[in-house]
Amino acid sequence: MGKGDKKTRRGKIFQGSFGNTRPKKSVISKAKREKAKAQAK
């Protein structure tokens, strides 16, 4: 298990891929953060 393993986080970083182990930051979660930040003010 290491850089060559597609199922590990390190392997996904090395390959530049995403999945359950290494999810992409989604547009939806970004919008939620901005909305929460606006309400906090």
Protein backbone atom coordinates (compact mmCIF):
# COMPACT_ATOMS: atom_id res chain seq x y z
CA MET A 1 0.00 0.00 0.00
CA GLY A 2 1.44 3.30 -1.03
CA LYS A 3 1.77 5.56 -4.03
CA GLY A 4 0.83 2.84 -6.51
CA ASP A 5 -2.33 1.78 -4.68
CA LYS A 6 -5.45 3.30 -6.24
CA LYS A 7 -7.51 2.70 -3.09
CA THR A 8 -5.39 4.78 -0.72
CA ARG A 9 -5.37 8.55 -0.27
CA ARG A 10 -1.64 8.73 -1.05
CA GLY A 11 -2.16 6.70 -4.23
CA LYS A 12 -4.95 9.00 -5.37
CA ILE A 13 -2.83 12.10 -4.72
CA PHE A 14 0.02 10.52 -6.72
CA GLN A 15 -2.33 9.67 -9.61
CA GLY A 16 -4.31 12.91 -9.38
CA SER A 17 -7.65 11.12 -9.10
CA PHE A 18 -10.58 11.54 -6.73
CA GLY A 19 -13.07 9.20 -5.04
CA ASN A 20 -14.46 8.20 -1.63
CA THR A 21 -11.01 8.24 -0.07
CA ARG A 22 -10.17 11.64 -1.56
CA PRO A 23 -13.33 13.58 -2.39
CA LYS A 24 -13.27 16.76 -4.46
CA LYS A 25 -14.44 19.95 -2.80
CA SER A 26 -17.90 20.31 -4.25
CA VAL A 27 -19.62 23.50 -5.36
CA ILE A 28 -22.52 22.74 -3.00
CA SER A 29 -20.34 22.60 0.11
CA LYS A 30 -18.58 25.82 -0.94
CA ALA A 31 -21.96 27.57 -1.26
CA LYS A 32 -22.98 26.30 2.19
CA ARG A 33 -19.77 27.67 3.74
CA GLU A 34 -20.30 31.08 2.14
CA LYS A 35 -23.92 31.16 3.31
CA ALA A 36 -22.89 30.26 6.87
CA LYS A 37 -20.19 32.91 6.82
CA ALA A 38 -22.72 35.55 5.67
CA GLN A 39 -25.15 34.61 8.45
CA ALA A 40 -22.41 34.77 11.09
CA LYS A 41 -21.84 38.48 10.44
